[in-house]
């Protein structure tokens, strides 16, 4: 488990700017999917997206899907966005459960 977390963190740190851009976009989308009305907050979107990206990458590595995704390297960006969105959706749902947005 610790190994998967380290791999996920290293993967996100390799392209910090791209990871932050993806995190903001998917954080916004996940927050709006979970709570359609609410205040827009740049920091909340970025935090939800960053945590979601980590949760998604960790899940992919923990389950063992990374070798399968490596075989289609041409679609890595699409898979990164989808994985980050799924993780961000989970994080946004947890945030909304404890503090409605």
PDB file of N, CA and C in Angstrom:
ATOM      1  N   UNK A   1       0.825  -1.180   0.000  1.00  0.00           N
ATOM      2  CA  UNK A   1       0.000   0.000   0.000  1.00  0.00           C
ATOM      3  C   UNK A   1       0.876   1.253   0.000  1.00  0.00           C
ATOM      4  N   UNK A   2       1.910   1.255   0.824  1.00  0.00           N
ATOM      5  CA  UNK A   2       2.829   2.389   0.889  1.00  0.00           C
ATOM      6  C   UNK A   2       3.554   2.567  -0.438  1.00  0.00           C
ATOM      7  N   UNK A   3       3.875   1.465  -1.081  1.00  0.00           N
ATOM      8  CA  UNK A   3       4.553   1.507  -2.374  1.00  0.00           C
ATOM      9  C   UNK A   3       3.657   2.135  -3.438  1.00  0.00           C
ATOM     10  N   UNK A   4       2.373   1.800  -3.426  1.00  0.00           N
ATOM     11  CA  UNK A   4       1.424   2.363  -4.388  1.00  0.00           C
ATOM     12  C   UNK A   4       1.271   3.865  -4.182  1.00  0.00           C
ATOM     13  N   UNK A   5       1.232   4.280  -2.930  1.00  0.00           N
ATOM     14  CA  UNK A   5       1.107   5.710  -2.633  1.00  0.00           C
ATOM     15  C   UNK A   5       2.339   6.473  -3.102  1.00  0.00           C
ATOM     16  N   UNK A   6       3.506   5.899  -2.909  1.00  0.00           N
ATOM     17  CA  UNK A   6       4.744   6.545  -3.351  1.00  0.00           C
ATOM     18  C   UNK A   6       4.790   6.651  -4.866  1.00  0.00           C
ATOM     19  N   UNK A   7       4.384   5.595  -5.558  1.00  0.00           N
ATOM     20  CA  UNK A   7       4.354   5.622  -7.023  1.00  0.00           C
ATOM     21  C   UNK A   7       3.372   6.671  -7.532  1.00  0.00           C
ATOM     22  N   UNK A   8       2.200   6.755  -6.922  1.00  0.00           N
ATOM     23  CA  UNK A   8       1.198   7.728  -7.350  1.00  0.00           C
ATOM     24  C   UNK A   8       1.696   9.153  -7.140  1.00  0.00           C
ATOM     25  N   UNK A   9       2.311   9.403  -6.002  1.00  0.00           N
ATOM     26  CA  UNK A   9       2.833  10.741  -5.718  1.00  0.00           C
ATOM     27  C   UNK A   9       3.967  11.108  -6.666  1.00  0.00           C
ATOM     28  N   UNK A  10       4.839  10.158  -6.952  1.00  0.00           N
ATOM     29  CA  UNK A  10       5.941  10.403  -7.886  1.00  0.00           C
ATOM     30  C   UNK A  10       5.401  10.702  -9.285  1.00  0.00           C
ATOM     31  N   UNK A  11       4.379   9.970  -9.708  1.00  0.00           N
ATOM     32  CA  UNK A  11       3.786  10.180 -11.028  1.00  0.00           C
ATOM     33  C   UNK A  11       3.204  11.590 -11.136  1.00  0.00           C
ATOM     34  N   UNK A  12       2.530  12.047 -10.090  1.00  0.00           N
ATOM     35  CA  UNK A  12       1.931  13.382 -10.125  1.00  0.00           C
ATOM     36  C   UNK A  12       2.982  14.480 -10.046  1.00  0.00           C
ATOM     37  N   UNK A  13       4.105  14.216  -9.395  1.00  0.00           N
ATOM     38  CA  UNK A  13       5.154  15.217  -9.268  1.00  0.00           C
ATOM     39  C   UNK A  13       5.987  15.354 -10.536  1.00  0.00           C
ATOM     40  N   UNK A  14       5.929  14.376 -11.420  1.00  0.00           N
ATOM     41  CA  UNK A  14       6.716  14.455 -12.650  1.00  0.00           C
ATOM     42  C   UNK A  14       6.277  15.619 -13.530  1.00  0.00           C
ATOM     43  N   UNK A  15       4.998  15.841 -13.663  1.00  0.00           N
ATOM     44  CA  UNK A  15       4.460  16.952 -14.465  1.00  0.00           C
ATOM     45  C   UNK A  15       3.553  17.786 -13.572  1.00  0.00           C
ATOM     46  N   UNK A  16       4.133  18.638 -12.789  1.00  0.00           N
ATOM     47  CA  UNK A  16       3.378  19.385 -11.783  1.00  0.00           C
ATOM     48  C   UNK A  16       2.358  20.322 -12.419  1.00  0.00           C
ATOM     49  N   UNK A  17       2.755  21.066 -13.438  1.00  0.00           N
ATOM     50  CA  UNK A  17       1.827  22.029 -14.044  1.00  0.00           C
ATOM     51  C   UNK A  17       0.647  21.338 -14.705  1.00  0.00           C
ATOM     52  N   UNK A  18       0.912  20.268 -15.426  1.00  0.00           N
ATOM     53  CA  UNK A  18      -0.179  19.522 -16.052  1.00  0.00           C
ATOM     54  C   UNK A  18      -1.078  18.907 -14.992  1.00  0.00           C
ATOM     55  N   UNK A  19      -0.486  18.371 -13.939  1.00  0.00           N
ATOM     56  CA  UNK A  19      -1.272  17.758 -12.866  1.00  0.00           C
ATOM     57  C   UNK A  19      -2.147  18.799 -12.167  1.00  0.00           C
ATOM     58  N   UNK A  20      -1.629  20.009 -11.958  1.00  0.00           N
ATOM     59  CA  UNK A  20      -2.426  21.060 -11.323  1.00  0.00           C
ATOM     60  C   UNK A  20      -3.554  21.537 -12.228  1.00  0.00           C
ATOM     61  N   UNK A  21      -3.285  21.643 -13.529  1.00  0.00           N
ATOM     62  CA  UNK A  21      -4.334  22.047 -14.469  1.00  0.00           C
ATOM     63  C   UNK A  21      -5.446  20.999 -14.510  1.00  0.00           C
ATOM     64  N   UNK A  22      -5.057  19.742 -14.628  1.00  0.00           N
ATOM     65  CA  UNK A  22      -6.048  18.661 -14.626  1.00  0.00           C
ATOM     66  C   UNK A  22      -6.798  18.646 -13.304  1.00  0.00           C
ATOM     67  N   UNK A  23      -6.083  18.858 -12.194  1.00  0.00           N
ATOM     68  CA  UNK A  23      -6.714  18.851 -10.875  1.00  0.00           C
ATOM     69  C   UNK A  23      -7.772  19.955 -10.771  1.00  0.00           C
ATOM     70  N   UNK A  24      -7.469  21.140 -11.275  1.00  0.00           N
ATOM     71  CA  UNK A  24      -8.446  22.230 -11.207  1.00  0.00           C
ATOM     72  C   UNK A  24      -9.679  21.914 -12.041  1.00  0.00           C
ATOM     73  N   UNK A  25      -9.459  21.433 -13.256  1.00  0.00           N
ATOM     74  CA  UNK A  25     -10.592  21.157 -14.152  1.00  0.00           C
ATOM     75  C   UNK A  25     -11.475  20.047 -13.579  1.00  0.00           C
ATOM     76  N   UNK A  26     -10.870  18.935 -13.171  1.00  0.00           N
ATOM     77  CA  UNK A  26     -11.690  17.833 -12.661  1.00  0.00           C
ATOM     78  C   UNK A  26     -12.258  18.158 -11.286  1.00  0.00           C
ATOM     79  N   UNK A  27     -11.561  18.973 -10.498  1.00  0.00           N
ATOM     80  CA  UNK A  27     -12.122  19.417  -9.224  1.00  0.00           C
ATOM     81  C   UNK A  27     -13.368  20.256  -9.437  1.00  0.00           C
ATOM     82  N   UNK A  28     -13.326  21.132 -10.433  1.00  0.00           N
ATOM     83  CA  UNK A  28     -14.499  21.936 -10.775  1.00  0.00           C
ATOM     84  C   UNK A  28     -15.638  21.043 -11.247  1.00  0.00           C
ATOM     85  N   UNK A  29     -15.342  20.130 -12.166  1.00  0.00           N
ATOM     86  CA  UNK A  29     -16.381  19.259 -12.701  1.00  0.00           C
ATOM     87  C   UNK A  29     -16.988  18.355 -11.632  1.00  0.00           C
ATOM     88  N   UNK A  30     -16.143  17.776 -10.791  1.00  0.00           N
ATOM     89  CA  UNK A  30     -16.646  16.883  -9.741  1.00  0.00           C
ATOM     90  C   UNK A  30     -17.467  17.658  -8.714  1.00  0.00           C
ATOM     91  N   UNK A  31     -17.014  18.842  -8.348  1.00  0.00           N
ATOM     92  CA  UNK A  31     -17.764  19.641  -7.377  1.00  0.00           C
ATOM     93  C   UNK A  31     -19.116  20.043  -7.932  1.00  0.00           C
ATOM     94  N   UNK A  32     -19.163  20.389  -9.200  1.00  0.00           N
ATOM     95  CA  UNK A  32     -20.435  20.765  -9.817  1.00  0.00           C
ATOM     96  C   UNK A  32     -21.334  19.552 -10.047  1.00  0.00           C
ATOM     97  N   UNK A  33     -20.747  18.374 -10.223  1.00  0.00           N
ATOM     98  CA  UNK A  33     -21.552  17.168 -10.376  1.00  0.00           C
ATOM     99  C   UNK A  33     -22.209  16.802  -9.050  1.00  0.00           C
ATOM    100  N   UNK A  34     -21.463  16.909  -7.977  1.00  0.00           N
ATOM    101  CA  UNK A  34     -21.983  16.539  -6.655  1.00  0.00           C
ATOM    102  C   UNK A  34     -22.961  17.582  -6.145  1.00  0.00           C
ATOM    103  N   UNK A  35     -22.622  18.841  -6.244  1.00  0.00           N
ATOM    104  CA  UNK A  35     -23.474  19.929  -5.757  1.00  0.00           C
ATOM    105  C   UNK A  35     -23.627  20.949  -6.872  1.00  0.00           C
ATOM    106  N   UNK A  36     -24.775  20.947  -7.538  1.00  0.00           N
ATOM    107  CA  UNK A  36     -24.943  21.810  -8.692  1.00  0.00           C
ATOM    108  C   UNK A  36     -24.996  23.286  -8.323  1.00  0.00           C
ATOM    109  N   UNK A  37     -25.541  23.589  -7.178  1.00  0.00           N
ATOM    110  CA  UNK A  37     -25.552  24.985  -6.756  1.00  0.00           C
ATOM    111  C   UNK A  37     -24.559  25.159  -5.625  1.00  0.00           C
ATOM    112  N   UNK A  38     -24.012  26.293  -5.547  1.00  0.00           N
ATOM    113  CA  UNK A  38     -23.042  26.559  -4.488  1.00  0.00           C
ATOM    114  C   UNK A  38     -22.094  27.648  -4.919  1.00  0.00           C
ATOM    115  N   UNK A  39     -21.305  28.076  -3.966  1.00  0.00           N
ATOM    116  CA  UNK A  39     -20.346  29.132  -4.248  1.00  0.00           C
ATOM    117  C   UNK A  39     -19.153  28.569  -4.995  1.00  0.00           C
ATOM    118  N   UNK A  40     -18.670  29.336  -5.953  1.00  0.00           N
ATOM    119  CA  UNK A  40     -17.470  28.910  -6.660  1.00  0.00           C
ATOM    120  C   UNK A  40     -16.256  29.324  -5.837  1.00  0.00           C
ATOM    121  N   UNK A  41     -15.352  28.398  -5.677  1.00  0.00           N
ATOM    122  CA  UNK A  41     -14.183  28.634  -4.846  1.00  0.00           C
ATOM    123  C   UNK A  41     -12.991  27.978  -5.524  1.00  0.00           C
ATOM    124  N   UNK A  42     -12.077  28.789  -6.017  1.00  0.00           N
ATOM    125  CA  UNK A  42     -10.909  28.306  -6.743  1.00  0.00           C
ATOM    126  C   UNK A  42     -10.100  27.331  -5.896  1.00  0.00           C
ATOM    127  N   UNK A  43      -9.879  27.673  -4.641  1.00  0.00           N
ATOM    128  CA  UNK A  43      -9.062  26.829  -3.756  1.00  0.00           C
ATOM    129  C   UNK A  43      -9.728  25.483  -3.519  1.00  0.00           C
ATOM    130  N   UNK A  44     -11.039  25.475  -3.324  1.00  0.00           N
ATOM    131  CA  UNK A  44     -11.750  24.211  -3.095  1.00  0.00           C
ATOM    132  C   UNK A  44     -11.655  23.307  -4.317  1.00  0.00           C
ATOM    133  N   UNK A  45     -11.814  23.872  -5.508  1.00  0.00           N
ATOM    134  CA  UNK A  45     -11.704  23.076  -6.728  1.00  0.00           C
ATOM    135  C   UNK A  45     -10.312  22.469  -6.859  1.00  0.00           C
ATOM    136  N   UNK A  46      -9.305  23.262  -6.558  1.00  0.00           N
ATOM    137  CA  UNK A  46      -7.928  22.786  -6.672  1.00  0.00           C
ATOM    138  C   UNK A  46      -7.630  21.701  -5.628  1.00  0.00           C
ATOM    139  N   UNK A  47      -8.103  21.884  -4.420  1.00  0.00           N
ATOM    140  CA  UNK A  47      -7.870  20.880  -3.373  1.00  0.00           C
ATOM    141  C   UNK A  47      -8.612  19.591  -3.680  1.00  0.00           C
ATOM    142  N   UNK A  48      -9.877  19.700  -4.062  1.00  0.00           N
ATOM    143  CA  UNK A  48     -10.655  18.504  -4.407  1.00  0.00           C
ATOM    144  C   UNK A  48     -10.016  17.794  -5.593  1.00  0.00           C
ATOM    145  N   UNK A  49      -9.587  18.546  -6.590  1.00  0.00           N
ATOM    146  CA  UNK A  49      -8.957  17.950  -7.762  1.00  0.00           C
ATOM    147  C   UNK A  49      -7.622  17.305  -7.455  1.00  0.00           C
ATOM    148  N   UNK A  50      -6.805  17.958  -6.642  1.00  0.00           N
ATOM    149  CA  UNK A  50      -5.487  17.395  -6.298  1.00  0.00           C
ATOM    150  C   UNK A  50      -5.628  16.130  -5.461  1.00  0.00           C
ATOM    151  N   UNK A  51      -6.496  16.175  -4.460  1.00  0.00           N
ATOM    152  CA  UNK A  51      -6.726  14.972  -3.661  1.00  0.00           C
ATOM    153  C   UNK A  51      -7.353  13.865  -4.502  1.00  0.00           C
ATOM    154  N   UNK A  52      -8.261  14.247  -5.376  1.00  0.00           N
ATOM    155  CA  UNK A  52      -8.893  13.266  -6.252  1.00  0.00           C
ATOM    156  C   UNK A  52      -7.925  12.644  -7.234  1.00  0.00           C
ATOM    157  N   UNK A  53      -7.013  13.449  -7.755  1.00  0.00           N
ATOM    158  CA  UNK A  53      -5.997  12.903  -8.661  1.00  0.00           C
ATOM    159  C   UNK A  53      -5.127  11.886  -7.933  1.00  0.00           C
ATOM    160  N   UNK A  54      -4.756  12.215  -6.700  1.00  0.00           N
ATOM    161  CA  UNK A  54      -3.953  11.276  -5.920  1.00  0.00           C
ATOM    162  C   UNK A  54      -4.748  10.007  -5.608  1.00  0.00           C
ATOM    163  N   UNK A  55      -5.996  10.159  -5.200  1.00  0.00           N
ATOM    164  CA  UNK A  55      -6.829   8.993  -4.882  1.00  0.00           C
ATOM    165  C   UNK A  55      -7.002   8.113  -6.116  1.00  0.00           C
ATOM    166  N   UNK A  56      -7.237   8.729  -7.257  1.00  0.00           N
ATOM    167  CA  UNK A  56      -7.399   7.963  -8.494  1.00  0.00           C
ATOM    168  C   UNK A  56      -6.134   7.232  -8.900  1.00  0.00           C
ATOM    169  N   UNK A  57      -5.003   7.931  -8.882  1.00  0.00           N
ATOM    170  CA  UNK A  57      -3.730   7.294  -9.246  1.00  0.00           C
ATOM    171  C   UNK A  57      -3.361   6.197  -8.249  1.00  0.00           C
ATOM    172  N   UNK A  58      -3.631   6.441  -6.981  1.00  0.00           N
ATOM    173  CA  UNK A  58      -3.360   5.427  -5.966  1.00  0.00           C
ATOM    174  C   UNK A  58      -4.225   4.187  -6.218  1.00  0.00           C
ATOM    175  N   UNK A  59      -5.489   4.402  -6.513  1.00  0.00           N
ATOM    176  CA  UNK A  59      -6.393   3.278  -6.766  1.00  0.00           C
ATOM    177  C   UNK A  59      -5.974   2.449  -7.969  1.00  0.00           C
ATOM    178  N   UNK A  60      -5.570   3.109  -9.024  1.00  0.00           N
ATOM    179  CA  UNK A  60      -5.130   2.397 -10.229  1.00  0.00           C
ATOM    180  C   UNK A  60      -3.899   1.548  -9.933  1.00  0.00           C
ATOM    181  N   UNK A  61      -2.985   2.106  -9.191  1.00  0.00           N
ATOM    182  CA  UNK A  61      -1.759   1.364  -8.865  1.00  0.00           C
ATOM    183  C   UNK A  61      -2.023   0.268  -7.837  1.00  0.00           C
ATOM    184  N   UNK A  62      -2.901   0.513  -6.893  1.00  0.00           N
ATOM    185  CA  UNK A  62      -3.200  -0.473  -5.858  1.00  0.00           C
ATOM    186  C   UNK A  62      -3.935  -1.679  -6.439  1.00  0.00           C
ATOM    187  N   UNK A  63      -4.855  -1.422  -7.343  1.00  0.00           N
ATOM    188  CA  UNK A  63      -5.601  -2.514  -7.976  1.00  0.00           C
ATOM    189  C   UNK A  63      -4.733  -3.262  -8.982  1.00  0.00           C
ATOM    190  N   UNK A  64      -3.763  -2.586  -9.570  1.00  0.00           N
ATOM    191  CA  UNK A  64      -2.869  -3.225 -10.526  1.00  0.00           C
ATOM    192  C   UNK A  64      -3.229  -2.968 -11.976  1.00  0.00           C
ATOM    193  N   UNK A  65      -3.932  -1.883 -12.244  1.00  0.00           N
ATOM    194  CA  UNK A  65      -4.328  -1.551 -13.614  1.00  0.00           C
ATOM    195  C   UNK A  65      -3.263  -0.785 -14.389  1.00  0.00           C
ATOM    196  N   UNK A  66      -2.234  -0.304 -13.711  1.00  0.00           N
ATOM    197  CA  UNK A  66      -1.230   0.526 -14.378  1.00  0.00           C
ATOM    198  C   UNK A  66      -0.534  -0.193 -15.536  1.00  0.00           C
ATOM    199  N   UNK A  67      -0.136  -1.471 -15.420  1.00  0.00           N
ATOM    200  CA  UNK A  67       0.491  -2.128 -16.576  1.00  0.00           C
ATOM    201  C   UNK A  67      -0.429  -2.205 -17.796  1.00  0.00           C
ATOM    202  N   UNK A  68      -1.721  -2.332 -17.559  1.00  0.00           N
ATOM    203  CA  UNK A  68      -2.678  -2.376 -18.671  1.00  0.00           C
ATOM    204  C   UNK A  68      -2.772  -0.995 -19.327  1.00  0.00           C
ATOM    205  N   UNK A  69      -2.809   0.056 -18.513  1.00  0.00           N
ATOM    206  CA  UNK A  69      -2.895   1.413 -19.055  1.00  0.00           C
ATOM    207  C   UNK A  69      -1.613   1.826 -19.756  1.00  0.00           C
ATOM    208  N   UNK A  70      -0.481   1.272 -19.350  1.00  0.00           N
ATOM    209  CA  UNK A  70       0.789   1.576 -20.002  1.00  0.00           C
ATOM    210  C   UNK A  70       0.849   1.039 -21.427  1.00  0.00           C
ATOM    211  N   UNK A  71       0.049   0.039 -21.737  1.00  0.00           N
ATOM    212  CA  UNK A  71       0.047  -0.537 -23.087  1.00  0.00           C
ATOM    213  C   UNK A  71      -0.578   0.402 -24.113  1.00  0.00           C
ATOM    214  N   UNK A  72      -1.405   1.321 -23.674  1.00  0.00           N
ATOM    215  CA  UNK A  72      -2.014   2.302 -24.581  1.00  0.00           C
ATOM    216  C   UNK A  72      -1.508   3.696 -24.208  1.00  0.00           C
ATOM    217  N   UNK A  73      -0.219   3.887 -24.369  1.00  0.00           N
ATOM    218  CA  UNK A  73       0.435   5.125 -23.933  1.00  0.00           C
ATOM    219  C   UNK A  73      -0.072   6.350 -24.692  1.00  0.00           C
ATOM    220  N   UNK A  74      -0.595   6.159 -25.886  1.00  0.00           N
ATOM    221  CA  UNK A  74      -1.087   7.288 -26.669  1.00  0.00           C
ATOM    222  C   UNK A  74      -2.317   7.939 -26.062  1.00  0.00           C
ATOM    223  N   UNK A  75      -3.002   7.240 -25.196  1.00  0.00           N
ATOM    224  CA  UNK A  75      -4.211   7.781 -24.564  1.00  0.00           C
ATOM    225  C   UNK A  75      -3.984   8.074 -23.087  1.00  0.00           C
ATOM    226  N   UNK A  76      -2.743   8.282 -22.698  1.00  0.00           N
ATOM    227  CA  UNK A  76      -2.402   8.486 -21.280  1.00  0.00           C
ATOM    228  C   UNK A  76      -3.094   9.717 -20.708  1.00  0.00           C
ATOM    229  N   UNK A  77      -3.162  10.797 -21.477  1.00  0.00           N
ATOM    230  CA  UNK A  77      -3.791  12.022 -20.985  1.00  0.00           C
ATOM    231  C   UNK A  77      -5.282  11.807 -20.730  1.00  0.00           C
ATOM    232  N   UNK A  78      -5.952  11.112 -21.631  1.00  0.00           N
ATOM    233  CA  UNK A  78      -7.367  10.824 -21.453  1.00  0.00           C
ATOM    234  C   UNK A  78      -7.591   9.980 -20.202  1.00  0.00           C
ATOM    235  N   UNK A  79      -6.771   8.956 -20.019  1.00  0.00           N
ATOM    236  CA  UNK A  79      -6.907   8.110 -18.837  1.00  0.00           C
ATOM    237  C   UNK A  79      -6.589   8.889 -17.569  1.00  0.00           C
ATOM    238  N   UNK A  80      -5.611   9.781 -17.628  1.00  0.00           N
ATOM    239  CA  UNK A  80      -5.285  10.600 -16.458  1.00  0.00           C
ATOM    240  C   UNK A  80      -6.470  11.474 -16.052  1.00  0.00           C
ATOM    241  N   UNK A  81      -7.129  12.058 -17.035  1.00  0.00           N
ATOM    242  CA  UNK A  81      -8.281  12.910 -16.744  1.00  0.00           C
ATOM    243  C   UNK A  81      -9.428  12.078 -16.176  1.00  0.00           C
ATOM    244  N   UNK A  82      -9.705  10.925 -16.771  1.00  0.00           N
ATOM    245  CA  UNK A  82     -10.789  10.067 -16.272  1.00  0.00           C
ATOM    246  C   UNK A  82     -10.508   9.556 -14.862  1.00  0.00           C
ATOM    247  N   UNK A  83      -9.285   9.136 -14.622  1.00  0.00           N
ATOM    248  CA  UNK A  83      -8.904   8.638 -13.297  1.00  0.00           C
ATOM    249  C   UNK A  83      -8.991   9.765 -12.273  1.00  0.00           C
ATOM    250  N   UNK A  84      -8.518  10.948 -12.648  1.00  0.00           N
ATOM    251  CA  UNK A  84      -8.576  12.095 -11.736  1.00  0.00           C
ATOM    252  C   UNK A  84     -10.020  12.495 -11.463  1.00  0.00           C
ATOM    253  N   UNK A  85     -10.875  12.415 -12.477  1.00  0.00           N
ATOM    254  CA  UNK A  85     -12.290  12.766 -12.272  1.00  0.00           C
ATOM    255  C   UNK A  85     -12.959  11.788 -11.315  1.00  0.00           C
ATOM    256  N   UNK A  86     -12.704  10.512 -11.490  1.00  0.00           N
ATOM    257  CA  UNK A  86     -13.308   9.526 -10.589  1.00  0.00           C
ATOM    258  C   UNK A  86     -12.852   9.741  -9.148  1.00  0.00           C
ATOM    259  N   UNK A  87     -11.571   9.979  -8.964  1.00  0.00           N
ATOM    260  CA  UNK A  87     -11.069  10.254  -7.624  1.00  0.00           C
ATOM    261  C   UNK A  87     -11.629  11.549  -7.060  1.00  0.00           C
ATOM    262  N   UNK A  88     -11.729  12.570  -7.895  1.00  0.00           N
ATOM    263  CA  UNK A  88     -12.263  13.861  -7.455  1.00  0.00           C
ATOM    264  C   UNK A  88     -13.741  13.761  -7.118  1.00  0.00           C
ATOM    265  N   UNK A  89     -14.449  12.931  -7.841  1.00  0.00           N
ATOM    266  CA  UNK A  89     -15.867  12.718  -7.542  1.00  0.00           C
ATOM    267  C   UNK A  89     -16.025  12.107  -6.153  1.00  0.00           C
ATOM    268  N   UNK A  90     -15.165  11.146  -5.828  1.00  0.00           N
ATOM    269  CA  UNK A  90     -15.208  10.526  -4.502  1.00  0.00           C
ATOM    270  C   UNK A  90     -14.887  11.556  -3.423  1.00  0.00           C
ATOM    271  N   UNK A  91     -13.842  12.340  -3.639  1.00  0.00           N
ATOM    272  CA  UNK A  91     -13.454  13.357  -2.658  1.00  0.00           C
ATOM    273  C   UNK A  91     -14.549  14.415  -2.528  1.00  0.00           C
ATOM    274  N   UNK A  92     -15.119  14.868  -3.636  1.00  0.00           N
ATOM    275  CA  UNK A  92     -16.172  15.889  -3.584  1.00  0.00           C
ATOM    276  C   UNK A  92     -17.412  15.352  -2.875  1.00  0.00           C
ATOM    277  N   UNK A  93     -17.728  14.091  -3.083  1.00  0.00           N
ATOM    278  CA  UNK A  93     -18.874  13.493  -2.392  1.00  0.00           C
ATOM    279  C   UNK A  93     -18.626  13.441  -0.890  1.00  0.00           C
ATOM    280  N   UNK A  94     -17.407  13.097  -0.482  1.00  0.00           N
ATOM    281  CA  UNK A  94     -17.083  13.080   0.941  1.00  0.00           C
ATOM    282  C   UNK A  94     -17.131  14.485   1.542  1.00  0.00           C
ATOM    283  N   UNK A  95     -16.607  15.465   0.808  1.00  0.00           N
ATOM    284  CA  UNK A  95     -16.646  16.846   1.290  1.00  0.00           C
ATOM    285  C   UNK A  95     -18.094  17.306   1.403  1.00  0.00           C
ATOM    286  N   UNK A  96     -18.900  16.979   0.412  1.00  0.00           N
ATOM    287  CA  UNK A  96     -20.305  17.398   0.419  1.00  0.00           C
ATOM    288  C   UNK A  96     -21.089  16.690   1.525  1.00  0.00           C
ATOM    289  N   UNK A  97     -20.696  15.471   1.845  1.00  0.00           N
ATOM    290  CA  UNK A  97     -21.382  14.726   2.901  1.00  0.00           C
ATOM    291  C   UNK A  97     -21.158  15.406   4.261  1.00  0.00           C
ATOM    292  N   UNK A  98     -19.953  15.906   4.506  1.00  0.00           N
ATOM    293  CA  UNK A  98     -19.665  16.528   5.791  1.00  0.00           C
ATOM    294  C   UNK A  98     -19.958  18.025   5.814  1.00  0.00           C
ATOM    295  N   UNK A  99     -19.789  18.683   4.667  1.00  0.00           N
ATOM    296  CA  UNK A  99     -20.057  20.109   4.585  1.00  0.00           C
ATOM    297  C   UNK A  99     -20.672  20.392   3.216  1.00  0.00           C
ATOM    298  N   UNK A 100     -21.968  20.543   3.143  1.00  0.00           N
ATOM    299  CA  UNK A 100     -22.598  20.802   1.842  1.00  0.00           C
ATOM    300  C   UNK A 100     -22.001  22.026   1.180  1.00  0.00           C
ATOM    301  N   UNK A 101     -21.682  21.884  -0.097  1.00  0.00           N
ATOM    302  CA  UNK A 101     -21.030  22.967  -0.850  1.00  0.00           C
ATOM    303  C   UNK A 101     -22.034  24.013  -1.247  1.00  0.00           C
TER     304      UNK A 101
END
